[in-house]
Amino acid sequence: MMLIHCPHCGARDVTEFTYGGAGAARPADPAAADDPQWADYVYMRDNPRGLHDELWQHSAGCRRWIAVRRNTLTHDVIATARPGELPPR
């Protein structure tokens, strides 16, 4: 069982959360972006091994977004915080 500590609700099972991504940058000018740029943004993601900062929504709880630092190799949750408040690595 993987626990994620919600800064608002406390430790909860991962099944209460929805993965929201890892902060990929949108095209600089969305109206002028062509199909290859959008495909790159939507589908082409790095799959890092080790520490990774992600966004998760506590969808079965307070419904707020939280930042999660997680080891993608072991699935250990290292830190959680409000978005933009994770301590530097």
C-alpha atoms as a PDB file:
ATOM      1  CA  MET A   1       0.000   0.000   0.000  1.00  0.00           C
ATOM      2  CA  MET A   2       1.333   3.439  -0.935  1.00  0.00           C
ATOM      3  CA  LEU A   3       0.434   6.332   1.362  1.00  0.00           C
ATOM      4  CA  ILE A   4       0.457   9.968   0.285  1.00  0.00           C
ATOM      5  CA  HIS A   5       0.409  12.631   2.965  1.00  0.00           C
ATOM      6  CA  CYS A   6      -2.117  15.312   1.973  1.00  0.00           C
ATOM      7  CA  PRO A   7      -1.058  18.625   3.580  1.00  0.00           C
ATOM      8  CA  HIS A   8      -4.764  19.298   4.254  1.00  0.00           C
ATOM      9  CA  CYS A   9      -6.113  15.857   5.293  1.00  0.00           C
ATOM     10  CA  GLY A  10      -3.134  13.823   6.505  1.00  0.00           C
ATOM     11  CA  ALA A  11      -1.875  10.441   5.292  1.00  0.00           C
ATOM     12  CA  ARG A  12      -4.230   8.673   2.883  1.00  0.00           C
ATOM     13  CA  ASP A  13      -4.095   5.652   0.587  1.00  0.00           C
ATOM     14  CA  VAL A  14      -2.970   6.336  -2.978  1.00  0.00           C
ATOM     15  CA  THR A  15      -6.399   5.187  -4.266  1.00  0.00           C
ATOM     16  CA  GLU A  16      -7.843   8.503  -2.997  1.00  0.00           C
ATOM     17  CA  PHE A  17      -5.600  10.452  -5.388  1.00  0.00           C
ATOM     18  CA  THR A  18      -5.482  11.069  -9.134  1.00  0.00           C
ATOM     19  CA  TYR A  19      -2.143  11.579 -10.858  1.00  0.00           C
ATOM     20  CA  GLY A  20      -2.057  14.984 -12.515  1.00  0.00           C
ATOM     21  CA  GLY A  21       1.260  15.001 -14.319  1.00  0.00           C
ATOM     22  CA  ALA A  22       4.743  16.264 -13.898  1.00  0.00           C
ATOM     23  CA  GLY A  23       4.497  19.839 -15.098  1.00  0.00           C
ATOM     24  CA  ALA A  24       5.312  19.594 -18.801  1.00  0.00           C
ATOM     25  CA  ALA A  25       5.555  23.021 -20.389  1.00  0.00           C
ATOM     26  CA  ARG A  26       2.728  23.926 -22.761  1.00  0.00           C
ATOM     27  CA  PRO A  27       3.658  25.397 -26.141  1.00  0.00           C
ATOM     28  CA  ALA A  28       4.642  29.059 -25.685  1.00  0.00           C
ATOM     29  CA  ASP A  29       1.925  30.284 -28.079  1.00  0.00           C
ATOM     30  CA  PRO A  30      -0.901  27.694 -27.945  1.00  0.00           C
ATOM     31  CA  ALA A  31      -2.871  29.370 -30.764  1.00  0.00           C
ATOM     32  CA  ALA A  32       0.119  29.157 -33.124  1.00  0.00           C
ATOM     33  CA  ALA A  33       1.262  25.646 -32.131  1.00  0.00           C
ATOM     34  CA  ASP A  34       1.112  23.060 -34.886  1.00  0.00           C
ATOM     35  CA  ASP A  35       0.112  19.389 -34.579  1.00  0.00           C
ATOM     36  CA  PRO A  36       3.654  18.076 -33.944  1.00  0.00           C
ATOM     37  CA  GLN A  37       4.117  20.577 -31.084  1.00  0.00           C
ATOM     38  CA  TRP A  38       0.816  19.545 -29.466  1.00  0.00           C
ATOM     39  CA  ALA A  39       1.576  15.838 -29.945  1.00  0.00           C
ATOM     40  CA  ASP A  40       4.951  16.393 -28.299  1.00  0.00           C
ATOM     41  CA  TYR A  41       3.305  18.188 -25.343  1.00  0.00           C
ATOM     42  CA  VAL A  42       0.511  15.636 -24.867  1.00  0.00           C
ATOM     43  CA  TYR A  43       2.264  12.323 -25.545  1.00  0.00           C
ATOM     44  CA  MET A  44       6.045  12.617 -25.334  1.00  0.00           C
ATOM     45  CA  ARG A  45       7.022  12.485 -21.662  1.00  0.00           C
ATOM     46  CA  ASP A  46      10.283  11.693 -19.977  1.00  0.00           C
ATOM     47  CA  ASN A  47      10.141   8.608 -17.804  1.00  0.00           C
ATOM     48  CA  PRO A  48      12.774   9.459 -15.209  1.00  0.00           C
ATOM     49  CA  ARG A  49      14.256   6.928 -12.859  1.00  0.00           C
ATOM     50  CA  GLY A  50      14.658   8.209  -9.317  1.00  0.00           C
ATOM     51  CA  LEU A  51      13.351  11.412  -7.728  1.00  0.00           C
ATOM     52  CA  HIS A  52      10.556  13.122  -9.609  1.00  0.00           C
ATOM     53  CA  ASP A  53       8.277  16.039  -8.692  1.00  0.00           C
ATOM     54  CA  GLU A  54       4.635  15.464  -9.635  1.00  0.00           C
ATOM     55  CA  LEU A  55       1.177  16.945  -9.152  1.00  0.00           C
ATOM     56  CA  TRP A  56      -1.619  14.830  -7.673  1.00  0.00           C
ATOM     57  CA  GLN A  57      -5.238  15.716  -6.865  1.00  0.00           C
ATOM     58  CA  HIS A  58      -6.845  14.413  -3.669  1.00  0.00           C
ATOM     59  CA  SER A  59      -9.902  13.487  -5.710  1.00  0.00           C
ATOM     60  CA  ALA A  60     -11.626  11.351  -3.046  1.00  0.00           C
ATOM     61  CA  GLY A  61     -10.869  13.801  -0.248  1.00  0.00           C
ATOM     62  CA  CYS A  62     -10.467  17.563  -0.159  1.00  0.00           C
ATOM     63  CA  ARG A  63     -10.109  17.726  -3.989  1.00  0.00           C
ATOM     64  CA  ARG A  64      -7.078  20.017  -3.698  1.00  0.00           C
ATOM     65  CA  TRP A  65      -3.917  19.678  -5.772  1.00  0.00           C
ATOM     66  CA  ILE A  66      -0.703  18.740  -4.004  1.00  0.00           C
ATOM     67  CA  ALA A  67       2.932  18.480  -5.040  1.00  0.00           C
ATOM     68  CA  VAL A  68       4.543  15.078  -4.465  1.00  0.00           C
ATOM     69  CA  ARG A  69       8.234  14.203  -4.628  1.00  0.00           C
ATOM     70  CA  ARG A  70       8.413  10.505  -5.361  1.00  0.00           C
ATOM     71  CA  ASN A  71      11.083   7.968  -6.225  1.00  0.00           C
ATOM     72  CA  THR A  72       9.790   6.419  -9.450  1.00  0.00           C
ATOM     73  CA  LEU A  73      12.008   3.374  -9.012  1.00  0.00           C
ATOM     74  CA  THR A  74      10.800   2.393  -5.517  1.00  0.00           C
ATOM     75  CA  HIS A  75       7.498   4.360  -5.368  1.00  0.00           C
ATOM     76  CA  ASP A  76       8.589   5.858  -2.040  1.00  0.00           C
ATOM     77  CA  VAL A  77       6.947   9.217  -1.372  1.00  0.00           C
ATOM     78  CA  ILE A  78       9.744  11.503  -0.177  1.00  0.00           C
ATOM     79  CA  ALA A  79       7.825  14.743   0.444  1.00  0.00           C
ATOM     80  CA  THR A  80       4.451  16.386  -0.144  1.00  0.00           C
ATOM     81  CA  ALA A  81       3.406  20.032  -0.016  1.00  0.00           C
ATOM     82  CA  ARG A  82       1.091  22.561  -1.531  1.00  0.00           C
ATOM     83  CA  PRO A  83       1.932  23.197  -5.221  1.00  0.00           C
ATOM     84  CA  GLY A  84       5.059  25.300  -5.525  1.00  0.00           C
ATOM     85  CA  GLU A  85       6.124  24.670  -1.916  1.00  0.00           C
ATOM     86  CA  LEU A  86       8.264  21.529  -2.186  1.00  0.00           C
ATOM     87  CA  PRO A  87      11.700  22.135  -0.649  1.00  0.00           C
ATOM     88  CA  PRO A  88      14.645  22.184  -3.052  1.00  0.00           C
ATOM     89  CA  ARG A  89      16.304  18.835  -3.660  1.00  0.00           C
END
